[in-house]
Amino acid sequence: GGSNAIGLFHEFLDEPTVRLIGVEAAGEGVN
């Protein structure tokens, strides 16, 4: 859903030098 990621990201949204990466579950493969 994204709560832990947005909790980390939110403080840095206005910091263009900070790269934000979220990782989802591909399960048995996205295809």
PDB file of all heavy atoms in Angstrom:
ATOM      1  N   GLY A   1       0.839  -1.194   0.000  1.00  0.00           N
ATOM      2  CA  GLY A   1       0.000   0.000   0.000  1.00  0.00           C
ATOM      3  C   GLY A   1       0.873   1.243   0.000  1.00  0.00           C
ATOM      4  O   GLY A   1       0.558   2.246  -0.614  1.00  0.00           O
ATOM      5  N   GLY A   2       1.994   1.166   0.744  1.00  0.00           N
ATOM      6  CA  GLY A   2       3.001   2.216   0.642  1.00  0.00           C
ATOM      7  C   GLY A   2       3.256   3.064   1.864  1.00  0.00           C
ATOM      8  O   GLY A   2       3.889   4.113   1.753  1.00  0.00           O
ATOM      9  N   SER A   3       2.827   2.642   3.059  1.00  0.00           N
ATOM     10  CA  SER A   3       2.952   3.531   4.227  1.00  0.00           C
ATOM     11  C   SER A   3       4.389   3.689   4.695  1.00  0.00           C
ATOM     12  O   SER A   3       4.814   4.794   5.045  1.00  0.00           O
ATOM     13  CB  SER A   3       2.064   3.034   5.367  1.00  0.00           C
ATOM     14  OG  SER A   3       2.454   1.749   5.820  1.00  0.00           O
ATOM     15  N   ASN A   4       5.162   2.595   4.730  1.00  0.00           N
ATOM     16  CA  ASN A   4       6.532   2.740   5.220  1.00  0.00           C
ATOM     17  C   ASN A   4       7.373   3.548   4.239  1.00  0.00           C
ATOM     18  O   ASN A   4       8.220   4.341   4.642  1.00  0.00           O
ATOM     19  CB  ASN A   4       7.150   1.361   5.501  1.00  0.00           C
ATOM     20  CG  ASN A   4       7.961   0.793   4.366  1.00  0.00           C
ATOM     21  OD1 ASN A   4       9.156   1.041   4.230  1.00  0.00           O
ATOM     22  ND2 ASN A   4       7.308   0.031   3.502  1.00  0.00           N
ATOM     23  N   ALA A   5       7.109   3.379   2.948  1.00  0.00           N
ATOM     24  CA  ALA A   5       7.873   4.118   1.935  1.00  0.00           C
ATOM     25  C   ALA A   5       7.557   5.607   1.987  1.00  0.00           C
ATOM     26  O   ALA A   5       8.467   6.443   1.992  1.00  0.00           O
ATOM     27  CB  ALA A   5       7.579   3.558   0.544  1.00  0.00           C
ATOM     28  N   ILE A   6       6.285   5.967   2.058  1.00  0.00           N
ATOM     29  CA  ILE A   6       5.945   7.386   2.067  1.00  0.00           C
ATOM     30  C   ILE A   6       6.389   8.023   3.377  1.00  0.00           C
ATOM     31  O   ILE A   6       6.742   9.210   3.419  1.00  0.00           O
ATOM     32  CB  ILE A   6       4.436   7.609   1.829  1.00  0.00           C
ATOM     33  CG1 ILE A   6       4.185   8.968   1.148  1.00  0.00           C
ATOM     34  CG2 ILE A   6       3.620   7.493   3.099  1.00  0.00           C
ATOM     35  CD1 ILE A   6       4.667   9.037  -0.266  1.00  0.00           C
ATOM     36  N   GLY A   7       6.416   7.233   4.462  1.00  0.00           N
ATOM     37  CA  GLY A   7       6.930   7.759   5.725  1.00  0.00           C
ATOM     38  C   GLY A   7       8.384   8.153   5.639  1.00  0.00           C
ATOM     39  O   GLY A   7       8.808   9.148   6.224  1.00  0.00           O
ATOM     40  N   LEU A   8       9.169   7.386   4.875  1.00  0.00           N
ATOM     41  CA  LEU A   8      10.573   7.714   4.662  1.00  0.00           C
ATOM     42  C   LEU A   8      10.737   8.806   3.619  1.00  0.00           C
ATOM     43  O   LEU A   8      11.528   9.743   3.787  1.00  0.00           O
ATOM     44  CB  LEU A   8      11.335   6.464   4.225  1.00  0.00           C
ATOM     45  CG  LEU A   8      12.828   6.640   3.917  1.00  0.00           C
ATOM     46  CD1 LEU A   8      13.607   7.046   5.170  1.00  0.00           C
ATOM     47  CD2 LEU A   8      13.405   5.344   3.335  1.00  0.00           C
ATOM     48  N   PHE A   9       9.987   8.728   2.520  1.00  0.00           N
ATOM     49  CA  PHE A   9      10.166   9.641   1.393  1.00  0.00           C
ATOM     50  C   PHE A   9       9.724  11.068   1.684  1.00  0.00           C
ATOM     51  O   PHE A   9      10.317  12.029   1.186  1.00  0.00           O
ATOM     52  CB  PHE A   9       9.357   9.161   0.183  1.00  0.00           C
ATOM     53  CG  PHE A   9       9.814   7.887  -0.447  1.00  0.00           C
ATOM     54  CD1 PHE A   9       9.055   7.302  -1.468  1.00  0.00           C
ATOM     55  CD2 PHE A   9      10.980   7.253  -0.058  1.00  0.00           C
ATOM     56  CE1 PHE A   9       9.454   6.136  -2.074  1.00  0.00           C
ATOM     57  CE2 PHE A   9      11.390   6.064  -0.654  1.00  0.00           C
ATOM     58  CZ  PHE A   9      10.620   5.502  -1.668  1.00  0.00           C
ATOM     59  N   HIS A  10       8.653  11.201   2.464  1.00  0.00           N
ATOM     60  CA  HIS A  10       7.928  12.474   2.504  1.00  0.00           C
ATOM     61  C   HIS A  10       8.796  13.665   2.901  1.00  0.00           C
ATOM     62  O   HIS A  10       8.689  14.749   2.315  1.00  0.00           O
ATOM     63  CB  HIS A  10       6.730  12.364   3.445  1.00  0.00           C
ATOM     64  CG  HIS A  10       5.849  13.569   3.433  1.00  0.00           C
ATOM     65  ND1 HIS A  10       5.124  13.953   2.326  1.00  0.00           N
ATOM     66  CD2 HIS A  10       5.600  14.491   4.385  1.00  0.00           C
ATOM     67  CE1 HIS A  10       4.468  15.055   2.599  1.00  0.00           C
ATOM     68  NE2 HIS A  10       4.731  15.406   3.838  1.00  0.00           N
ATOM     69  N   GLU A  11       9.656  13.459   3.849  1.00  0.00           N
ATOM     70  CA  GLU A  11      10.521  14.537   4.322  1.00  0.00           C
ATOM     71  C   GLU A  11      11.454  15.047   3.233  1.00  0.00           C
ATOM     72  O   GLU A  11      11.930  16.190   3.293  1.00  0.00           O
ATOM     73  CB  GLU A  11      11.335  14.029   5.526  1.00  0.00           C
ATOM     74  CG  GLU A  11      12.369  14.997   6.072  1.00  0.00           C
ATOM     75  CD  GLU A  11      11.749  16.198   6.777  1.00  0.00           C
ATOM     76  OE1 GLU A  11      10.548  16.156   7.106  1.00  0.00           O
ATOM     77  OE2 GLU A  11      12.491  17.176   7.017  1.00  0.00           O
ATOM     78  N   PHE A  12      11.692  14.240   2.210  1.00  0.00           N
ATOM     79  CA  PHE A  12      12.703  14.558   1.203  1.00  0.00           C
ATOM     80  C   PHE A  12      12.116  14.858  -0.183  1.00  0.00           C
ATOM     81  O   PHE A  12      12.865  14.965  -1.153  1.00  0.00           O
ATOM     82  CB  PHE A  12      13.706  13.402   1.095  1.00  0.00           C
ATOM     83  CG  PHE A  12      14.417  13.100   2.383  1.00  0.00           C
ATOM     84  CD1 PHE A  12      13.921  12.156   3.271  1.00  0.00           C
ATOM     85  CD2 PHE A  12      15.583  13.784   2.730  1.00  0.00           C
ATOM     86  CE1 PHE A  12      14.569  11.878   4.467  1.00  0.00           C
ATOM     87  CE2 PHE A  12      16.245  13.518   3.924  1.00  0.00           C
ATOM     88  CZ  PHE A  12      15.736  12.566   4.791  1.00  0.00           C
ATOM     89  N   LEU A  13      10.812  15.012  -0.273  1.00  0.00           N
ATOM     90  CA  LEU A  13      10.197  15.244  -1.581  1.00  0.00           C
ATOM     91  C   LEU A  13      10.702  16.516  -2.239  1.00  0.00           C
ATOM     92  O   LEU A  13      10.794  16.594  -3.472  1.00  0.00           O
ATOM     93  CB  LEU A  13       8.673  15.299  -1.447  1.00  0.00           C
ATOM     94  CG  LEU A  13       7.967  13.976  -1.131  1.00  0.00           C
ATOM     95  CD1 LEU A  13       6.467  14.211  -1.001  1.00  0.00           C
ATOM     96  CD2 LEU A  13       8.264  12.919  -2.178  1.00  0.00           C
ATOM     97  N   ASP A  14      11.029  17.513  -1.443  1.00  0.00           N
ATOM     98  CA  ASP A  14      11.509  18.784  -1.981  1.00  0.00           C
ATOM     99  C   ASP A  14      13.030  18.859  -2.047  1.00  0.00           C
ATOM    100  O   ASP A  14      13.586  19.954  -2.213  1.00  0.00           O
ATOM    101  CB  ASP A  14      10.969  19.952  -1.147  1.00  0.00           C
ATOM    102  CG  ASP A  14       9.458  20.100  -1.283  1.00  0.00           C
ATOM    103  OD1 ASP A  14       8.921  19.727  -2.340  1.00  0.00           O
ATOM    104  OD2 ASP A  14       8.823  20.576  -0.327  1.00  0.00           O
ATOM    105  N   GLU A  15      13.689  17.717  -1.903  1.00  0.00           N
ATOM    106  CA  GLU A  15      15.147  17.658  -1.999  1.00  0.00           C
ATOM    107  C   GLU A  15      15.518  16.952  -3.309  1.00  0.00           C
ATOM    108  O   GLU A  15      15.574  15.724  -3.365  1.00  0.00           O
ATOM    109  CB  GLU A  15      15.742  16.903  -0.803  1.00  0.00           C
ATOM    110  CG  GLU A  15      15.452  17.519   0.547  1.00  0.00           C
ATOM    111  CD  GLU A  15      16.244  18.799   0.799  1.00  0.00           C
ATOM    112  OE1 GLU A  15      17.081  19.161  -0.054  1.00  0.00           O
ATOM    113  OE2 GLU A  15      16.018  19.434   1.841  1.00  0.00           O
ATOM    114  N   PRO A  16      15.757  17.703  -4.385  1.00  0.00           N
ATOM    115  CA  PRO A  16      15.966  17.069  -5.701  1.00  0.00           C
ATOM    116  C   PRO A  16      17.198  16.193  -5.788  1.00  0.00           C
ATOM    117  O   PRO A  16      17.291  15.356  -6.691  1.00  0.00           O
ATOM    118  CB  PRO A  16      16.076  18.271  -6.650  1.00  0.00           C
ATOM    119  CG  PRO A  16      16.461  19.426  -5.780  1.00  0.00           C
ATOM    120  CD  PRO A  16      15.818  19.178  -4.460  1.00  0.00           C
ATOM    121  N   THR A  17      18.141  16.341  -4.869  1.00  0.00           N
ATOM    122  CA  THR A  17      19.343  15.508  -4.910  1.00  0.00           C
ATOM    123  C   THR A  17      19.116  14.125  -4.311  1.00  0.00           C
ATOM    124  O   THR A  17      19.979  13.244  -4.443  1.00  0.00           O
ATOM    125  CB  THR A  17      20.503  16.179  -4.154  1.00  0.00           C
ATOM    126  OG1 THR A  17      20.153  16.308  -2.769  1.00  0.00           O
ATOM    127  CG2 THR A  17      20.811  17.556  -4.746  1.00  0.00           C
ATOM    128  N   VAL A  18      17.981  13.932  -3.651  1.00  0.00           N
ATOM    129  CA  VAL A  18      17.697  12.651  -2.998  1.00  0.00           C
ATOM    130  C   VAL A  18      16.826  11.800  -3.925  1.00  0.00           C
ATOM    131  O   VAL A  18      15.710  12.181  -4.270  1.00  0.00           O
ATOM    132  CB  VAL A  18      17.001  12.847  -1.638  1.00  0.00           C
ATOM    133  CG1 VAL A  18      16.739  11.494  -0.979  1.00  0.00           C
ATOM    134  CG2 VAL A  18      17.846  13.728  -0.728  1.00  0.00           C
ATOM    135  N   ARG A  19      17.351  10.661  -4.308  1.00  0.00           N
ATOM    136  CA  ARG A  19      16.647   9.737  -5.205  1.00  0.00           C
ATOM    137  C   ARG A  19      15.733   8.834  -4.388  1.00  0.00           C
ATOM    138  O   ARG A  19      16.151   8.242  -3.390  1.00  0.00           O
ATOM    139  CB  ARG A  19      17.679   8.919  -5.980  1.00  0.00           C
ATOM    140  CG  ARG A  19      17.148   8.024  -7.066  1.00  0.00           C
ATOM    141  CD  ARG A  19      18.321   7.335  -7.777  1.00  0.00           C
ATOM    142  NE  ARG A  19      17.858   6.331  -8.713  1.00  0.00           N
ATOM    143  CZ  ARG A  19      18.656   5.451  -9.320  1.00  0.00           C
ATOM    144  NH1 ARG A  19      19.970   5.476  -9.079  1.00  0.00           N
ATOM    145  NH2 ARG A  19      18.155   4.553 -10.153  1.00  0.00           N
ATOM    146  N   LEU A  20      14.480   8.705  -4.787  1.00  0.00           N
ATOM    147  CA  LEU A  20      13.486   7.917  -4.069  1.00  0.00           C
ATOM    148  C   LEU A  20      13.148   6.667  -4.881  1.00  0.00           C
ATOM    149  O   LEU A  20      12.729   6.775  -6.037  1.00  0.00           O
ATOM    150  CB  LEU A  20      12.209   8.731  -3.832  1.00  0.00           C
ATOM    151  CG  LEU A  20      12.382  10.149  -3.275  1.00  0.00           C
ATOM    152  CD1 LEU A  20      11.023  10.828  -3.142  1.00  0.00           C
ATOM    153  CD2 LEU A  20      13.109  10.126  -1.935  1.00  0.00           C
ATOM    154  N   ILE A  21      13.293   5.494  -4.259  1.00  0.00           N
ATOM    155  CA  ILE A  21      13.052   4.235  -4.964  1.00  0.00           C
ATOM    156  C   ILE A  21      12.137   3.341  -4.136  1.00  0.00           C
ATOM    157  O   ILE A  21      12.450   3.013  -2.985  1.00  0.00           O
ATOM    158  CB  ILE A  21      14.366   3.489  -5.261  1.00  0.00           C
ATOM    159  CG1 ILE A  21      15.298   4.345  -6.120  1.00  0.00           C
ATOM    160  CG2 ILE A  21      14.080   2.157  -5.957  1.00  0.00           C
ATOM    161  CD1 ILE A  21      16.655   3.710  -6.381  1.00  0.00           C
ATOM    162  N   GLY A  22      11.021   2.947  -4.724  1.00  0.00           N
ATOM    163  CA  GLY A  22      10.110   1.998  -4.098  1.00  0.00           C
ATOM    164  C   GLY A  22      10.189   0.661  -4.816  1.00  0.00           C
ATOM    165  O   GLY A  22      10.332   0.606  -6.037  1.00  0.00           O
ATOM    166  N   VAL A  23      10.080  -0.429  -4.052  1.00  0.00           N
ATOM    167  CA  VAL A  23      10.227  -1.773  -4.611  1.00  0.00           C
ATOM    168  C   VAL A  23       8.966  -2.586  -4.327  1.00  0.00           C
ATOM    169  O   VAL A  23       8.589  -2.781  -3.166  1.00  0.00           O
ATOM    170  CB  VAL A  23      11.464  -2.491  -4.043  1.00  0.00           C
ATOM    171  CG1 VAL A  23      11.628  -3.859  -4.704  1.00  0.00           C
ATOM    172  CG2 VAL A  23      12.721  -1.648  -4.239  1.00  0.00           C
ATOM    173  N   GLU A  24       8.340  -3.048  -5.395  1.00  0.00           N
ATOM    174  CA  GLU A  24       7.110  -3.835  -5.299  1.00  0.00           C
ATOM    175  C   GLU A  24       7.409  -5.327  -5.382  1.00  0.00           C
ATOM    176  O   GLU A  24       8.531  -5.740  -5.661  1.00  0.00           O
ATOM    177  CB  GLU A  24       6.170  -3.459  -6.437  1.00  0.00           C
ATOM    178  CG  GLU A  24       5.732  -2.019  -6.454  1.00  0.00           C
ATOM    179  CD  GLU A  24       4.728  -1.751  -7.551  1.00  0.00           C
ATOM    180  OE1 GLU A  24       5.063  -1.902  -8.743  1.00  0.00           O
ATOM    181  OE2 GLU A  24       3.587  -1.407  -7.210  1.00  0.00           O
ATOM    182  N   ALA A  25       6.356  -6.126  -5.190  1.00  0.00           N
ATOM    183  CA  ALA A  25       6.481  -7.584  -5.250  1.00  0.00           C
ATOM    184  C   ALA A  25       6.170  -8.079  -6.660  1.00  0.00           C
ATOM    185  O   ALA A  25       5.040  -7.944  -7.138  1.00  0.00           O
ATOM    186  CB  ALA A  25       5.537  -8.230  -4.248  1.00  0.00           C
ATOM    187  N   ALA A  26       7.172  -8.665  -7.320  1.00  0.00           N
ATOM    188  CA  ALA A  26       6.967  -9.237  -8.656  1.00  0.00           C
ATOM    189  C   ALA A  26       6.478 -10.677  -8.589  1.00  0.00           C
ATOM    190  O   ALA A  26       6.215 -11.287  -9.626  1.00  0.00           O
ATOM    191  CB  ALA A  26       8.264  -9.166  -9.459  1.00  0.00           C
ATOM    192  N   GLY A  27       6.364 -11.230  -7.367  1.00  0.00           N
ATOM    193  CA  GLY A  27       5.829 -12.584  -7.218  1.00  0.00           C
ATOM    194  C   GLY A  27       6.604 -13.602  -8.035  1.00  0.00           C
ATOM    195  O   GLY A  27       7.814 -13.754  -7.890  1.00  0.00           O
ATOM    196  N   GLU A  28       5.907 -14.284  -8.930  1.00  0.00           N
ATOM    197  CA  GLU A  28       6.542 -15.262  -9.809  1.00  0.00           C
ATOM    198  C   GLU A  28       7.027 -14.627 -11.106  1.00  0.00           C
ATOM    199  O   GLU A  28       7.465 -15.333 -12.017  1.00  0.00           O
ATOM    200  CB  GLU A  28       5.573 -16.407 -10.087  1.00  0.00           C
ATOM    201  CG  GLU A  28       5.217 -17.211  -8.839  1.00  0.00           C
ATOM    202  CD  GLU A  28       4.283 -18.369  -9.110  1.00  0.00           C
ATOM    203  OE1 GLU A  28       3.963 -18.612 -10.301  1.00  0.00           O
ATOM    204  OE2 GLU A  28       3.884 -19.040  -8.144  1.00  0.00           O
ATOM    205  N   GLY A  29       6.956 -13.296 -11.176  1.00  0.00           N
ATOM    206  CA  GLY A  29       7.412 -12.564 -12.359  1.00  0.00           C
ATOM    207  C   GLY A  29       6.324 -11.651 -12.878  1.00  0.00           C
ATOM    208  O   GLY A  29       5.144 -12.020 -12.888  1.00  0.00           O
ATOM    209  N   VAL A  30       6.698 -10.443 -13.301  1.00  0.00           N
ATOM    210  CA  VAL A  30       5.693  -9.472 -13.744  1.00  0.00           C
ATOM    211  C   VAL A  30       5.028  -9.884 -15.050  1.00  0.00           C
ATOM    212  O   VAL A  30       3.970  -9.347 -15.402  1.00  0.00           O
ATOM    213  CB  VAL A  30       6.299  -8.054 -13.883  1.00  0.00           C
ATOM    214  CG1 VAL A  30       6.697  -7.505 -12.534  1.00  0.00           C
ATOM    215  CG2 VAL A  30       7.475  -8.053 -14.849  1.00  0.00           C
ATOM    216  N   ASN A  31       5.609 -10.815 -15.771  1.00  0.00           N
ATOM    217  CA  ASN A  31       4.987 -11.314 -16.992  1.00  0.00           C
ATOM    218  C   ASN A  31       4.139 -12.552 -16.748  1.00  0.00           C
ATOM    219  O   ASN A  31       3.581 -13.128 -17.680  1.00  0.00           O
ATOM    220  CB  ASN A  31       6.068 -11.625 -18.042  1.00  0.00           C
ATOM    221  CG  ASN A  31       6.782 -10.363 -18.502  1.00  0.00           C
ATOM    222  OD1 ASN A  31       6.166  -9.319 -18.687  1.00  0.00           O
ATOM    223  ND2 ASN A  31       8.097 -10.443 -18.669  1.00  0.00           N
TER     224      ASN A  31
END
